[in-house]
Amino acid sequence: MSIKQIPAKAISAIFTLSFFLSGCIKEKQEPVAVVFSATGDISGKLNEFRNQLGTLNTTTGQTSGRREINWDGVPDSLSGLKLASDFFNPTEAGSPQARQRGLVYAGNSDAMVSKTSFAEINTQAATEFSDFSGNKSFAVVNATLWPVEFRVAGENTTASVKGFGIVFSDVDKSNSTFIEFFDHEKSIGKYYVPAHDNTGSFSFLGVYFPGQTVTHVSIGHEGRLVDGEKDITQGGSKDLVVLDDFIYSEPLPK
């Protein structure tokens, strides 16, 4: 039978099926973000994310695996003081390799580490926060939106990662605190941090992109600790949060 003899409805059905199948193939090939999210006891999802990224790296020159920052490597003498944006990626001669982890943050904003839940910045809200690992936590105290960028560990070379996650303390509102991921200037996803449940004060959000690269992220939250306001659960108008562990794949040259 020639194509002229095939009924028009059959030809239409063939083209529809071909379009559907090609669409399915394309959909399977497109990269999908893998989201790791938890509240309360976050250890399970946190460890799943770690396993997704690979072995923990503690030296420079790595091409796979993951990096972690838990802020307890910051000396007590710097608690409550503005921290250099490259504290965990110094590149000067003689810089300690243990701090060369390929991450810079916050631009010109005031990034700080505290061992008193930021009581030195905001006594009104300090009782709201807990440390997840060790006895120090991190916050950008004077901004509600700030960047995190990546470098090859121990170098000034710009880099990208495949996955990035943070442990948050005292996220009280859903659809408020977020991480937005970028491939250069293109946003590849904005993900909200879940509010903590009644069993604990911690939340975790990590996102892995198997088919894309993340050149930088933006962290957003409602309030600024420097304003001295109470947290929303204490009668304040904004949800105040601090951060603990940062976990991300080994930064590789872009």
Protein backbone atom coordinates (compact mmCIF):
# COMPACT_ATOMS: atom_id res chain seq x y z
CA MET A 1 0.00 0.00 0.00
CA SER A 2 1.42 3.43 -0.93
CA ILE A 3 1.32 6.37 1.44
CA LYS A 4 -1.43 7.85 -0.74
CA GLN A 5 -3.62 4.83 0.09
CA ILE A 6 -3.17 5.16 3.88
CA PRO A 7 -6.23 6.83 5.42
CA ALA A 8 -5.71 10.40 6.65
CA LYS A 9 -6.68 9.46 10.22
CA ALA A 10 -4.00 6.75 10.26
CA ILE A 11 -1.35 9.17 9.04
CA SER A 12 -2.39 11.64 11.74
CA ALA A 13 -2.15 8.94 14.39
CA ILE A 14 1.33 7.95 13.22
CA PHE A 15 2.60 11.52 13.46
CA THR A 16 0.98 11.98 16.89
CA LEU A 17 2.64 8.79 18.18
CA SER A 18 6.01 9.83 16.75
CA PHE A 19 5.76 13.25 18.41
CA PHE A 20 4.80 11.65 21.72
CA LEU A 21 7.68 9.18 21.61
CA SER A 22 10.22 11.83 20.66
CA GLY A 23 8.92 13.99 23.50
CA CYS A 24 9.37 11.13 25.97
CA ILE A 25 12.93 10.51 24.80
CA LYS A 26 13.75 14.19 25.10
CA GLU A 27 12.22 14.35 28.57
CA LYS A 28 14.33 11.43 29.75
CA GLN A 29 17.47 13.06 28.41
CA GLU A 30 16.89 16.44 30.04
CA PRO A 31 18.76 16.90 33.35
CA VAL A 32 16.60 16.79 36.46
CA ALA A 33 17.47 18.34 39.79
CA VAL A 34 17.55 15.91 42.71
CA VAL A 35 16.28 17.59 45.89
CA PHE A 36 17.27 16.48 49.40
CA SER A 37 15.06 18.13 52.01
CA ALA A 38 14.38 17.43 55.68
CA THR A 39 13.30 18.92 59.00
CA GLY A 40 13.65 17.78 62.60
CA ASP A 41 16.05 14.85 62.44
CA ILE A 42 17.85 15.85 59.25
CA SER A 43 20.74 13.38 59.53
CA GLY A 44 19.31 10.83 57.10
CA LYS A 45 18.78 13.22 54.19
CA LEU A 46 22.02 15.02 54.97
CA ASN A 47 23.95 11.77 54.69
CA GLU A 48 22.10 10.85 51.48
CA PHE A 49 23.25 14.16 50.00
CA ARG A 50 26.81 13.54 51.14
CA ASN A 51 26.76 10.12 49.53
CA GLN A 52 25.45 11.61 46.31
CA LEU A 53 28.39 14.03 46.17
CA GLY A 54 31.08 11.52 47.13
CA THR A 55 34.08 11.26 49.44
CA LEU A 56 35.00 14.18 51.70
CA ASN A 57 38.08 16.05 50.44
CA THR A 58 40.53 17.78 52.79
CA THR A 59 43.37 18.62 50.39
CA THR A 60 43.63 20.64 47.20
CA GLY A 61 43.94 19.20 43.70
CA GLN A 62 40.81 17.02 43.82
CA THR A 63 38.54 16.42 40.82
CA SER A 64 35.61 14.58 42.45
CA GLY A 65 34.00 14.14 45.86
CA ARG A 66 32.74 16.85 48.19
CA ARG A 67 33.70 19.71 50.49
CA GLU A 68 32.18 20.72 53.82
CA ILE A 69 32.31 23.79 56.05
CA ASN A 70 30.94 23.68 59.58
CA TRP A 71 32.46 27.00 60.80
CA ASP A 72 34.18 25.54 63.85
CA GLY A 73 37.49 26.07 62.09
CA VAL A 74 37.04 29.81 62.65
CA PRO A 75 39.04 30.94 65.72
CA ASP A 76 37.11 32.11 68.79
CA SER A 77 38.87 35.46 68.48
CA LEU A 78 36.88 36.15 65.28
CA SER A 79 33.49 35.33 66.77
CA GLY A 80 31.06 38.18 66.14
CA LEU A 81 33.46 40.00 63.80
CA LYS A 82 33.22 40.46 60.04
CA LEU A 83 34.80 37.47 58.39
CA ALA A 84 36.88 37.65 55.22
CA SER A 85 34.80 36.43 52.28
CA ASP A 86 37.60 34.05 51.31
CA PHE A 87 38.25 32.72 54.80
CA PHE A 88 37.63 29.21 53.48
CA ASN A 89 39.64 29.69 50.33
CA PRO A 90 42.74 31.77 51.09
CA THR A 91 45.20 31.85 48.19
CA GLU A 92 48.18 33.70 49.65
CA ALA A 93 51.49 31.88 49.89
CA GLY A 94 51.62 29.72 52.99
CA SER A 95 47.84 29.62 53.46
CA PRO A 96 46.71 26.53 55.41
CA GLN A 97 45.45 23.86 53.03
CA ALA A 98 42.77 22.83 55.51
CA ARG A 99 41.00 26.15 54.85
CA GLN A 100 41.34 26.01 51.07
CA ARG A 101 37.87 24.65 50.32
CA GLY A 102 36.90 26.60 47.21
CA LEU A 103 34.07 28.75 48.57
CA VAL A 104 33.62 32.52 48.93
CA TYR A 105 30.49 34.27 50.15
CA ALA A 106 28.48 37.38 50.86
CA GLY A 107 30.15 39.94 48.61
CA ASN A 108 30.54 43.17 50.61
CA SER A 109 28.01 42.18 53.27
CA ASP A 110 28.87 41.38 56.88
CA ALA A 111 29.35 37.63 57.11
CA MET A 112 30.03 36.46 60.66
CA VAL A 113 30.51 33.36 62.76
CA SER A 114 29.29 33.24 66.34
CA LYS A 115 29.64 30.86 69.28
CA THR A 116 26.87 32.65 71.21
CA SER A 117 24.03 32.24 68.67
CA PHE A 118 24.70 35.84 67.61
CA ALA A 119 23.85 37.34 70.99
CA GLU A 120 26.62 39.87 70.31
CA ILE A 121 24.57 41.10 67.32
CA ASN A 122 20.96 40.52 68.40
CA THR A 123 20.13 39.67 72.00
CA GLN A 124 16.41 39.63 71.19
CA ALA A 125 16.61 36.53 68.98
CA ALA A 126 19.67 34.60 70.18
CA THR A 127 17.66 32.03 72.16
CA GLU A 128 15.99 30.91 68.93
CA PHE A 129 19.12 29.46 67.34
CA SER A 130 21.03 26.22 67.87
CA ASP A 131 24.32 24.90 66.48
CA PHE A 132 24.04 21.73 64.43
CA SER A 133 27.68 20.65 64.55
CA GLY A 134 30.25 22.01 66.96
CA ASN A 135 29.50 25.26 68.78
CA LYS A 136 29.52 27.89 66.03
CA SER A 137 27.06 29.01 63.38
CA PHE A 138 27.15 31.42 60.44
CA ALA A 139 25.05 34.36 59.27
CA VAL A 140 25.18 37.36 56.98
CA VAL A 141 23.81 39.79 59.52
CA ASN A 142 23.11 42.87 57.38
CA ALA A 143 21.52 41.45 54.22
CA THR A 144 18.49 39.38 53.23
CA LEU A 145 19.90 38.24 49.88
CA TRP A 146 23.56 37.37 49.40
CA PRO A 147 25.76 35.25 47.10
CA VAL A 148 27.93 32.17 47.43
CA GLU A 149 30.49 31.59 44.69
CA PHE A 150 32.94 28.80 43.97
CA ARG A 151 36.67 28.66 43.24
CA VAL A 152 39.08 25.86 42.54
CA ALA A 153 40.29 24.96 46.03
CA GLY A 154 43.33 27.05 46.92
CA GLU A 155 43.11 29.16 43.73
CA ASN A 156 41.37 32.28 42.46
CA THR A 157 40.11 30.32 39.45
CA THR A 158 36.33 30.54 39.12
CA ALA A 159 34.64 27.16 39.40
CA SER A 160 31.31 25.38 39.37
CA VAL A 161 29.70 22.57 41.36
CA LYS A 162 27.07 19.91 40.71
CA GLY A 163 25.38 20.12 44.10
CA PHE A 164 25.12 22.44 47.09
CA GLY A 165 23.28 22.28 50.41
CA ILE A 166 22.98 24.03 53.78
CA VAL A 167 21.84 23.19 57.30
CA PHE A 168 19.56 25.99 58.56
CA SER A 169 18.57 26.81 62.12
CA ASP A 170 15.08 28.11 63.04
CA VAL A 171 13.31 28.38 59.70
CA ASP A 172 9.77 29.02 60.98
CA LYS A 173 8.00 29.80 57.70
CA SER A 174 7.64 27.74 54.55
CA ASN A 175 8.15 29.50 51.19
CA SER A 176 10.33 32.17 52.77
CA THR A 177 14.00 31.15 53.14
CA PHE A 178 15.46 29.83 49.89
CA ILE A 179 18.49 28.88 47.82
CA GLU A 180 18.49 29.93 44.16
CA PHE A 181 20.94 28.18 41.83
CA PHE A 182 22.55 29.76 38.78
CA ASP A 183 24.49 28.61 35.75
CA HIS A 184 26.27 31.87 34.98
CA GLU A 185 23.42 34.43 34.72
CA LYS A 186 20.67 31.86 34.15
CA SER A 187 18.61 30.73 37.12
CA ILE A 188 18.24 26.95 37.06
CA GLY A 189 16.00 26.70 40.10
CA LYS A 190 14.79 28.40 43.27
CA TYR A 191 14.13 26.02 46.15
CA TYR A 192 12.53 26.89 49.48
CA VAL A 193 13.85 25.57 52.78
CA PRO A 194 11.21 23.63 54.75
CA ALA A 195 10.13 25.02 58.10
CA HIS A 196 11.41 23.03 61.07
CA ASP A 197 8.98 20.70 62.81
CA ASN A 198 8.19 20.31 66.50
CA THR A 199 10.98 17.77 67.08
CA GLY A 200 13.89 20.12 66.43
CA SER A 201 15.02 23.49 65.13
CA PHE A 202 16.97 22.35 62.07
CA SER A 203 16.12 22.19 58.38
CA PHE A 204 18.21 20.92 55.52
CA LEU A 205 18.08 21.67 51.82
CA GLY A 206 20.49 20.30 49.24
CA VAL A 207 20.06 20.14 45.46
CA TYR A 208 22.09 18.08 42.99
CA PHE A 209 22.11 18.78 39.24
CA PRO A 210 23.37 15.70 37.35
CA GLY A 211 23.31 17.38 33.94
CA GLN A 212 24.09 21.02 34.73
CA THR A 213 26.71 23.14 36.45
CA VAL A 214 26.14 25.61 39.27
CA THR A 215 28.40 28.63 39.08
CA HIS A 216 26.92 30.45 42.07
CA VAL A 217 23.93 30.50 44.39
CA SER A 218 21.92 33.16 46.18
CA ILE A 219 20.68 32.72 49.75
CA GLY A 220 17.52 34.59 50.67
CA HIS A 221 15.71 35.05 54.00
CA GLU A 222 13.33 37.56 55.58
CA GLY A 223 15.14 39.33 58.37
CA ARG A 224 18.50 40.85 59.25
CA LEU A 225 20.03 40.11 62.65
CA VAL A 226 21.67 43.53 62.73
CA ASP A 227 18.26 45.20 63.01
CA GLY A 228 17.90 43.85 66.56
CA GLU A 229 14.33 42.64 66.08
CA LYS A 230 12.69 39.65 67.73
CA ASP A 231 12.08 36.51 65.71
CA ILE A 232 8.56 35.97 64.37
CA THR A 233 7.89 33.31 67.04
CA GLN A 234 8.67 35.88 69.73
CA GLY A 235 6.32 38.52 68.34
CA GLY A 236 8.63 40.02 65.72
CA SER A 237 7.60 40.68 62.14
CA LYS A 238 10.23 38.57 60.35
CA ASP A 239 11.55 35.02 60.35
CA LEU A 240 15.18 35.20 61.46
CA VAL A 241 17.51 32.32 60.61
CA VAL A 242 21.16 31.33 60.91
CA LEU A 243 23.13 28.67 59.08
CA ASP A 244 25.47 25.85 59.95
CA ASP A 245 27.03 23.21 57.69
CA PHE A 246 27.64 23.97 54.00
CA ILE A 247 28.04 20.84 51.83
CA TYR A 248 28.93 20.98 48.13
CA SER A 249 30.62 18.97 45.41
CA GLU A 250 34.28 19.58 44.60
CA PRO A 251 34.49 22.92 42.73
CA LEU A 252 35.90 22.36 39.23
CA PRO A 253 37.07 24.96 36.67
CA LYS A 254 34.21 26.44 34.64
